[in-house]
Amino acid sequence: MLEGARMALGAKGYPLSVHELIEIMPQFGARVGGEKPAVNLSSVLSKRGCGFQSVKWHGRHAWWFVDKPLPDAIALFEESESQTSQDKLSDSNPKQEDRENAATLNERTDR
């Protein structure tokens, strides 16, 4: 269970709530059982977690690594916004092929 939490947090790159961890951990071969999975996982992470800490992340409780600083939320946001902007730019800028086709059409209509 601990290795599944470690892998999930590492893959996401930012703190996750206990409920997010429970949802994601099966992707890494770990499941949380019992009648109250959230209580079980929190208990394991806090008592035997060796390397996990409960932190406040975006106004809620989440789990993160003890030996890693919290990710810079602004940098994460800017990174995702930058990718979105790049995608929009590539969609709005005509590609070289489109410019060549337009030039060919202009040449034909100018004759």
C-alpha atoms as a PDB file:
ATOM      1  CA  MET A   1       0.000   0.000   0.000  1.00  0.00           C
ATOM      2  CA  LEU A   2       2.811   2.415   0.855  1.00  0.00           C
ATOM      3  CA  GLU A   3       4.574   1.774  -2.443  1.00  0.00           C
ATOM      4  CA  GLY A   4       1.314   2.398  -4.325  1.00  0.00           C
ATOM      5  CA  ALA A   5       0.908   5.759  -2.569  1.00  0.00           C
ATOM      6  CA  ARG A   6       4.552   6.615  -3.298  1.00  0.00           C
ATOM      7  CA  MET A   7       4.116   5.790  -6.982  1.00  0.00           C
ATOM      8  CA  ALA A   8       0.817   7.687  -7.274  1.00  0.00           C
ATOM      9  CA  LEU A   9       2.228  10.849  -5.710  1.00  0.00           C
ATOM     10  CA  GLY A  10       5.354  10.621  -7.832  1.00  0.00           C
ATOM     11  CA  ALA A  11       3.335  10.196 -11.013  1.00  0.00           C
ATOM     12  CA  LYS A  12       1.037  13.127 -10.268  1.00  0.00           C
ATOM     13  CA  GLY A  13       3.777  15.406  -8.978  1.00  0.00           C
ATOM     14  CA  TYR A  14       1.651  17.204  -6.419  1.00  0.00           C
ATOM     15  CA  PRO A  15      -0.096  16.378  -3.113  1.00  0.00           C
ATOM     16  CA  LEU A  16      -3.225  14.239  -3.289  1.00  0.00           C
ATOM     17  CA  SER A  17      -6.129  13.831  -0.914  1.00  0.00           C
ATOM     18  CA  VAL A  18      -6.667  10.426   0.626  1.00  0.00           C
ATOM     19  CA  HIS A  19      -9.672   9.906  -1.656  1.00  0.00           C
ATOM     20  CA  GLU A  20      -7.629  10.773  -4.764  1.00  0.00           C
ATOM     21  CA  LEU A  21      -4.948   8.345  -3.644  1.00  0.00           C
ATOM     22  CA  ILE A  22      -7.523   5.588  -3.168  1.00  0.00           C
ATOM     23  CA  GLU A  23      -8.788   6.168  -6.716  1.00  0.00           C
ATOM     24  CA  ILE A  24      -5.337   6.314  -8.330  1.00  0.00           C
ATOM     25  CA  MET A  25      -3.429   3.636  -6.412  1.00  0.00           C
ATOM     26  CA  PRO A  26      -4.975   0.659  -8.278  1.00  0.00           C
ATOM     27  CA  GLN A  27      -3.189   1.923 -11.410  1.00  0.00           C
ATOM     28  CA  PHE A  28       0.009   1.064  -9.539  1.00  0.00           C
ATOM     29  CA  GLY A  29      -1.148  -2.318  -8.290  1.00  0.00           C
ATOM     30  CA  ALA A  30      -2.227  -1.212  -4.805  1.00  0.00           C
ATOM     31  CA  ARG A  31      -5.680  -1.371  -3.298  1.00  0.00           C
ATOM     32  CA  VAL A  32      -7.015  -0.076  -0.009  1.00  0.00           C
ATOM     33  CA  GLY A  33      -9.493  -2.369   1.664  1.00  0.00           C
ATOM     34  CA  GLY A  34     -11.728  -2.389   4.681  1.00  0.00           C
ATOM     35  CA  GLU A  35     -15.046  -0.806   5.552  1.00  0.00           C
ATOM     36  CA  LYS A  36     -13.453   2.650   5.705  1.00  0.00           C
ATOM     37  CA  PRO A  37     -10.670   2.787   3.099  1.00  0.00           C
ATOM     38  CA  ALA A  38      -9.944   6.487   3.686  1.00  0.00           C
ATOM     39  CA  VAL A  39      -9.435   5.935   7.417  1.00  0.00           C
ATOM     40  CA  ASN A  40      -7.306   2.856   6.749  1.00  0.00           C
ATOM     41  CA  LEU A  41      -5.021   4.611   4.275  1.00  0.00           C
ATOM     42  CA  SER A  42      -4.669   7.729   6.422  1.00  0.00           C
ATOM     43  CA  SER A  43      -3.785   5.570   9.396  1.00  0.00           C
ATOM     44  CA  VAL A  44      -1.141   3.656   7.463  1.00  0.00           C
ATOM     45  CA  LEU A  45       0.387   6.808   5.987  1.00  0.00           C
ATOM     46  CA  SER A  46       0.502   8.659   9.296  1.00  0.00           C
ATOM     47  CA  LYS A  47       1.679   5.832  11.554  1.00  0.00           C
ATOM     48  CA  ARG A  48       3.852   3.674   9.360  1.00  0.00           C
ATOM     49  CA  GLY A  49       4.161   6.091   6.468  1.00  0.00           C
ATOM     50  CA  CYS A  50       7.867   6.647   6.822  1.00  0.00           C
ATOM     51  CA  GLY A  51       8.208   9.444   4.371  1.00  0.00           C
ATOM     52  CA  PHE A  52       4.687  10.864   4.102  1.00  0.00           C
ATOM     53  CA  GLN A  53       3.191  13.928   5.722  1.00  0.00           C
ATOM     54  CA  SER A  54      -0.228  15.484   5.813  1.00  0.00           C
ATOM     55  CA  VAL A  55      -0.165  18.956   4.250  1.00  0.00           C
ATOM     56  CA  LYS A  56      -2.581  21.709   3.300  1.00  0.00           C
ATOM     57  CA  TRP A  57      -2.815  21.913  -0.473  1.00  0.00           C
ATOM     58  CA  HIS A  58      -5.215  24.361  -2.106  1.00  0.00           C
ATOM     59  CA  GLY A  59      -7.149  24.695   1.121  1.00  0.00           C
ATOM     60  CA  ARG A  60      -7.624  20.985   1.772  1.00  0.00           C
ATOM     61  CA  HIS A  61      -5.779  18.157   3.474  1.00  0.00           C
ATOM     62  CA  ALA A  62      -3.521  16.112   1.242  1.00  0.00           C
ATOM     63  CA  TRP A  63      -0.553  13.751   1.468  1.00  0.00           C
ATOM     64  CA  TRP A  64       2.962  14.510   0.252  1.00  0.00           C
ATOM     65  CA  PHE A  65       6.535  13.344   0.731  1.00  0.00           C
ATOM     66  CA  VAL A  66       8.361  14.430   3.889  1.00  0.00           C
ATOM     67  CA  ASP A  67      11.669  14.872   2.060  1.00  0.00           C
ATOM     68  CA  LYS A  68      10.341  16.896  -0.895  1.00  0.00           C
ATOM     69  CA  PRO A  69       9.232  20.520  -0.861  1.00  0.00           C
ATOM     70  CA  LEU A  70       5.693  21.215  -1.931  1.00  0.00           C
ATOM     71  CA  PRO A  71       5.537  21.850  -5.655  1.00  0.00           C
ATOM     72  CA  ASP A  72       5.214  25.471  -6.663  1.00  0.00           C
ATOM     73  CA  ALA A  73       1.516  25.738  -7.521  1.00  0.00           C
ATOM     74  CA  ILE A  74       2.142  28.817  -9.643  1.00  0.00           C
ATOM     75  CA  ALA A  75       4.791  27.029 -11.705  1.00  0.00           C
ATOM     76  CA  LEU A  76       2.474  24.045 -12.203  1.00  0.00           C
ATOM     77  CA  PHE A  77      -0.315  26.390 -13.323  1.00  0.00           C
ATOM     78  CA  GLU A  78       1.969  28.348 -15.653  1.00  0.00           C
ATOM     79  CA  GLU A  79       3.291  25.122 -17.148  1.00  0.00           C
ATOM     80  CA  SER A  80      -0.209  23.872 -17.953  1.00  0.00           C
ATOM     81  CA  GLU A  81      -1.253  27.307 -19.234  1.00  0.00           C
ATOM     82  CA  SER A  82       1.873  27.505 -21.376  1.00  0.00           C
ATOM     83  CA  GLN A  83       1.044  24.187 -23.021  1.00  0.00           C
ATOM     84  CA  THR A  84      -2.552  25.307 -23.602  1.00  0.00           C
ATOM     85  CA  SER A  85      -1.310  28.555 -25.154  1.00  0.00           C
ATOM     86  CA  GLN A  86       1.118  26.685 -27.389  1.00  0.00           C
ATOM     87  CA  ASP A  87      -1.673  24.402 -28.545  1.00  0.00           C
ATOM     88  CA  LYS A  88      -3.883  27.404 -29.339  1.00  0.00           C
ATOM     89  CA  LEU A  89      -1.035  29.139 -31.171  1.00  0.00           C
ATOM     90  CA  SER A  90      -0.314  26.126 -33.327  1.00  0.00           C
ATOM     91  CA  ASP A  91      -4.020  25.867 -34.161  1.00  0.00           C
ATOM     92  CA  SER A  92      -4.313  29.569 -35.025  1.00  0.00           C
ATOM     93  CA  ASN A  93      -1.064  29.950 -36.996  1.00  0.00           C
ATOM     94  CA  PRO A  94      -1.267  28.779 -40.562  1.00  0.00           C
ATOM     95  CA  LYS A  95       1.046  25.912 -41.269  1.00  0.00           C
ATOM     96  CA  GLN A  96       3.700  26.225 -43.975  1.00  0.00           C
ATOM     97  CA  GLU A  97       1.697  23.954 -46.262  1.00  0.00           C
ATOM     98  CA  ASP A  98      -1.408  26.142 -45.853  1.00  0.00           C
ATOM     99  CA  ARG A  99       0.607  29.278 -46.674  1.00  0.00           C
ATOM    100  CA  GLU A 100       2.033  27.625 -49.806  1.00  0.00           C
ATOM    101  CA  ASN A 101      -1.438  26.570 -50.932  1.00  0.00           C
ATOM    102  CA  ALA A 102      -2.728  30.114 -50.393  1.00  0.00           C
ATOM    103  CA  ALA A 103       0.192  31.539 -52.377  1.00  0.00           C
ATOM    104  CA  THR A 104      -0.493  29.126 -55.235  1.00  0.00           C
ATOM    105  CA  LEU A 105      -4.170  30.128 -55.287  1.00  0.00           C
ATOM    106  CA  ASN A 106      -3.218  33.813 -55.308  1.00  0.00           C
ATOM    107  CA  GLU A 107      -0.857  33.253 -58.231  1.00  0.00           C
ATOM    108  CA  ARG A 108      -3.613  31.533 -60.221  1.00  0.00           C
ATOM    109  CA  THR A 109      -6.140  34.287 -59.569  1.00  0.00           C
ATOM    110  CA  ASP A 110      -3.608  37.016 -60.427  1.00  0.00           C
ATOM    111  CA  ARG A 111      -3.113  35.641 -63.925  1.00  0.00           C
END
